[in-house]
C-alpha atoms as a PDB file:
ATOM      1  CA  MET A   1      -4.316   6.416   2.124  1.00  0.00           C
ATOM      2  CA  GLN A   2      -4.104   2.592   1.807  1.00  0.00           C
ATOM      3  CA  VAL A   3      -5.887   0.651  -0.979  1.00  0.00           C
ATOM      4  CA  LYS A   4      -5.343  -2.853  -2.216  1.00  0.00           C
ATOM      5  CA  VAL A   5      -4.477  -3.171  -5.808  1.00  0.00           C
ATOM      6  CA  ASN A   6      -4.865  -6.508  -7.288  1.00  0.00           C
ATOM      7  CA  GLY A   7      -4.543  -7.962  -3.726  1.00  0.00           C
ATOM      8  CA  LYS A   8      -1.439  -5.850  -2.526  1.00  0.00           C
ATOM      9  CA  ALA A   9      -1.721  -3.009  -0.026  1.00  0.00           C
ATOM     10  CA  GLU A  10      -0.463   0.306  -1.609  1.00  0.00           C
ATOM     11  CA  GLU A  11      -0.074   3.800  -0.171  1.00  0.00           C
ATOM     12  CA  ILE A  12      -1.480   6.411  -2.642  1.00  0.00           C
ATOM     13  CA  GLN A  13      -2.182  10.182  -2.486  1.00  0.00           C
ATOM     14  CA  GLY A  14      -5.832   9.468  -3.080  1.00  0.00           C
ATOM     15  CA  GLY A  15      -7.846  10.658  -6.313  1.00  0.00           C
ATOM     16  CA  THR A  16      -9.708   8.842  -8.741  1.00  0.00           C
ATOM     17  CA  VAL A  17      -9.381   5.477 -10.537  1.00  0.00           C
ATOM     18  CA  LEU A  18      -7.920   7.454 -13.627  1.00  0.00           C
ATOM     19  CA  ASP A  19      -5.407   9.027 -11.514  1.00  0.00           C
ATOM     20  CA  LEU A  20      -4.247   5.532 -10.226  1.00  0.00           C
ATOM     21  CA  LEU A  21      -4.004   4.295 -13.740  1.00  0.00           C
ATOM     22  CA  LYS A  22      -1.870   7.184 -14.673  1.00  0.00           C
ATOM     23  CA  ILE A  23       0.440   6.703 -11.725  1.00  0.00           C
ATOM     24  CA  LYS A  24       0.762   3.049 -12.753  1.00  0.00           C
ATOM     25  CA  LYS A  25       1.354   3.941 -16.494  1.00  0.00           C
ATOM     26  CA  ILE A  26      -1.531   1.664 -17.457  1.00  0.00           C
ATOM     27  CA  GLU A  27      -3.544   2.752 -20.573  1.00  0.00           C
ATOM     28  CA  PRO A  28      -7.294   2.893 -19.638  1.00  0.00           C
ATOM     29  CA  GLN A  29      -8.299   1.212 -22.755  1.00  0.00           C
ATOM     30  CA  MET A  30      -6.220  -1.863 -21.965  1.00  0.00           C
ATOM     31  CA  VAL A  31      -7.810  -2.757 -18.738  1.00  0.00           C
ATOM     32  CA  ALA A  32     -11.107  -3.289 -17.013  1.00  0.00           C
ATOM     33  CA  VAL A  33     -11.390  -1.946 -13.372  1.00  0.00           C
ATOM     34  CA  GLU A  34     -13.296  -3.337 -10.511  1.00  0.00           C
ATOM     35  CA  VAL A  35     -13.483  -1.370  -7.167  1.00  0.00           C
ATOM     36  CA  ASN A  36     -14.837  -3.244  -4.316  1.00  0.00           C
ATOM     37  CA  ASP A  37     -16.168  -5.952  -6.619  1.00  0.00           C
ATOM     38  CA  LYS A  38     -18.050  -3.510  -8.751  1.00  0.00           C
ATOM     39  CA  MET A  39     -17.042  -3.151 -12.433  1.00  0.00           C
ATOM     40  CA  ILE A  40     -16.332   0.535 -13.344  1.00  0.00           C
ATOM     41  CA  ASP A  41     -17.430   1.869 -16.682  1.00  0.00           C
ATOM     42  CA  ARG A  42     -14.665   3.400 -18.578  1.00  0.00           C
ATOM     43  CA  ASP A  43     -16.704   6.648 -18.686  1.00  0.00           C
ATOM     44  CA  HIS A  44     -16.729   6.792 -14.922  1.00  0.00           C
ATOM     45  CA  LEU A  45     -12.808   6.272 -14.284  1.00  0.00           C
ATOM     46  CA  ALA A  46     -12.075   9.972 -13.963  1.00  0.00           C
ATOM     47  CA  THR A  47     -15.097  10.706 -11.687  1.00  0.00           C
ATOM     48  CA  THR A  48     -14.829   7.530  -9.423  1.00  0.00           C
ATOM     49  CA  GLN A  49     -13.090   8.674  -6.095  1.00  0.00           C
ATOM     50  CA  LEU A  50     -10.773   6.189  -4.453  1.00  0.00           C
ATOM     51  CA  THR A  51     -11.272   5.981  -0.508  1.00  0.00           C
ATOM     52  CA  GLU A  52      -9.285   4.332   2.378  1.00  0.00           C
ATOM     53  CA  GLY A  53      -9.686   0.688   2.172  1.00  0.00           C
ATOM     54  CA  ASP A  54     -10.961   0.287  -1.284  1.00  0.00           C
ATOM     55  CA  GLN A  55     -10.001  -2.998  -3.177  1.00  0.00           C
ATOM     56  CA  VAL A  56      -8.978  -2.169  -6.769  1.00  0.00           C
ATOM     57  CA  GLU A  57      -8.729  -4.965  -9.355  1.00  0.00           C
ATOM     58  CA  PHE A  58      -7.132  -4.399 -12.785  1.00  0.00           C
ATOM     59  CA  LEU A  59      -8.146  -7.003 -15.436  1.00  0.00           C
ATOM     60  CA  PHE A  60      -5.945  -6.765 -18.449  1.00  0.00           C
ATOM     61  CA  TYR A  61      -6.956  -7.761 -21.699  1.00  0.00           C
ATOM     62  CA  MET A  62      -4.757 -10.365 -23.291  1.00  0.00           C
ATOM     63  CA  GLY A  63      -4.415 -11.443 -26.923  1.00  0.00           C
ATOM     64  CA  GLY A  64      -3.439 -14.692 -28.516  1.00  0.00           C
ATOM     65  CA  GLY A  65      -4.679 -17.890 -29.547  1.00  0.00           C
ATOM     66  CA  ARG A  66      -5.675 -19.089 -33.193  1.00  0.00           C
END
Protein backbone atom coordinates (compact mmCIF):
# COMPACT_ATOMS: atom_id res chain seq x y z
CA MET A 1 0.00 0.00 0.00
CA GLN A 2 1.07 3.57 -0.48
CA VAL A 3 1.40 6.15 2.30
CA LYS A 4 3.09 9.53 2.44
CA VAL A 5 5.97 9.81 4.91
CA ASN A 6 7.09 13.38 5.55
CA GLY A 7 5.54 14.39 2.23
CA LYS A 8 7.08 11.61 0.09
CA ALA A 9 5.03 8.73 -1.29
CA GLU A 10 6.30 5.35 -0.11
CA GLU A 11 5.20 1.80 -0.75
CA ILE A 12 4.94 -0.26 2.45
CA GLN A 13 3.61 -3.69 3.32
CA GLY A 14 1.14 -2.34 5.85
CA GLY A 15 1.17 -2.71 9.59
CA THR A 16 1.33 -0.28 12.46
CA VAL A 17 3.13 2.99 13.04
CA LEU A 18 5.63 1.10 15.22
CA ASP A 19 6.29 -1.33 12.35
CA LEU A 20 7.08 1.62 10.06
CA LEU A 21 9.44 3.10 12.67
CA LYS A 22 11.28 -0.22 12.91
CA ILE A 23 11.59 -0.51 9.12
CA LYS A 24 13.07 2.99 9.01
CA LYS A 25 15.32 2.25 12.02
CA ILE A 26 13.88 5.14 14.02
CA GLU A 27 13.82 4.89 17.82
CA PRO A 28 10.25 5.65 19.00
CA GLN A 29 11.48 7.76 21.94
CA MET A 30 13.36 10.07 19.54
CA VAL A 31 10.37 11.10 17.43
CA ALA A 32 6.82 12.39 17.67
CA VAL A 33 4.42 10.94 15.10
CA GLU A 34 1.39 12.43 13.36
CA VAL A 35 -0.94 10.36 11.20
CA ASN A 36 -3.38 12.38 9.08
CA ASP A 37 -2.67 15.51 11.17
CA LYS A 38 -3.43 13.73 14.46
CA MET A 39 -0.65 13.32 17.04
CA ILE A 40 -0.24 9.67 18.05
CA ASP A 41 0.53 8.94 21.70
CA ARG A 42 3.61 6.74 22.15
CA ASP A 43 1.44 4.18 23.95
CA HIS A 44 -0.56 3.74 20.74
CA LEU A 45 2.26 3.38 18.18
CA ALA A 46 1.98 -0.43 18.24
CA THR A 47 -1.80 -0.41 17.87
CA THR A 48 -2.29 2.37 15.29
CA GLN A 49 -2.78 0.62 11.94
CA LEU A 50 -1.73 2.41 8.77
CA THR A 51 -4.06 2.33 5.77
CA GLU A 52 -3.78 3.21 2.09
CA GLY A 53 -3.27 6.94 1.58
CA ASP A 54 -2.37 7.80 5.19
CA GLN A 55 -0.09 10.78 5.69
CA VAL A 56 2.58 10.17 8.31
CA GLU A 57 4.85 12.86 9.70
CA PHE A 58 7.89 12.11 11.87
CA LEU A 59 8.88 15.08 14.04
CA PHE A 60 12.41 14.59 15.35
CA TYR A 61 13.66 16.02 18.62
CA MET A 62 16.77 18.10 18.22
CA GLY A 63 19.14 19.17 20.95
CA GLY A 64 21.40 22.13 21.01
CA GLY A 65 21.50 25.75 21.86
CA ARG A 66 22.86 27.31 25.02
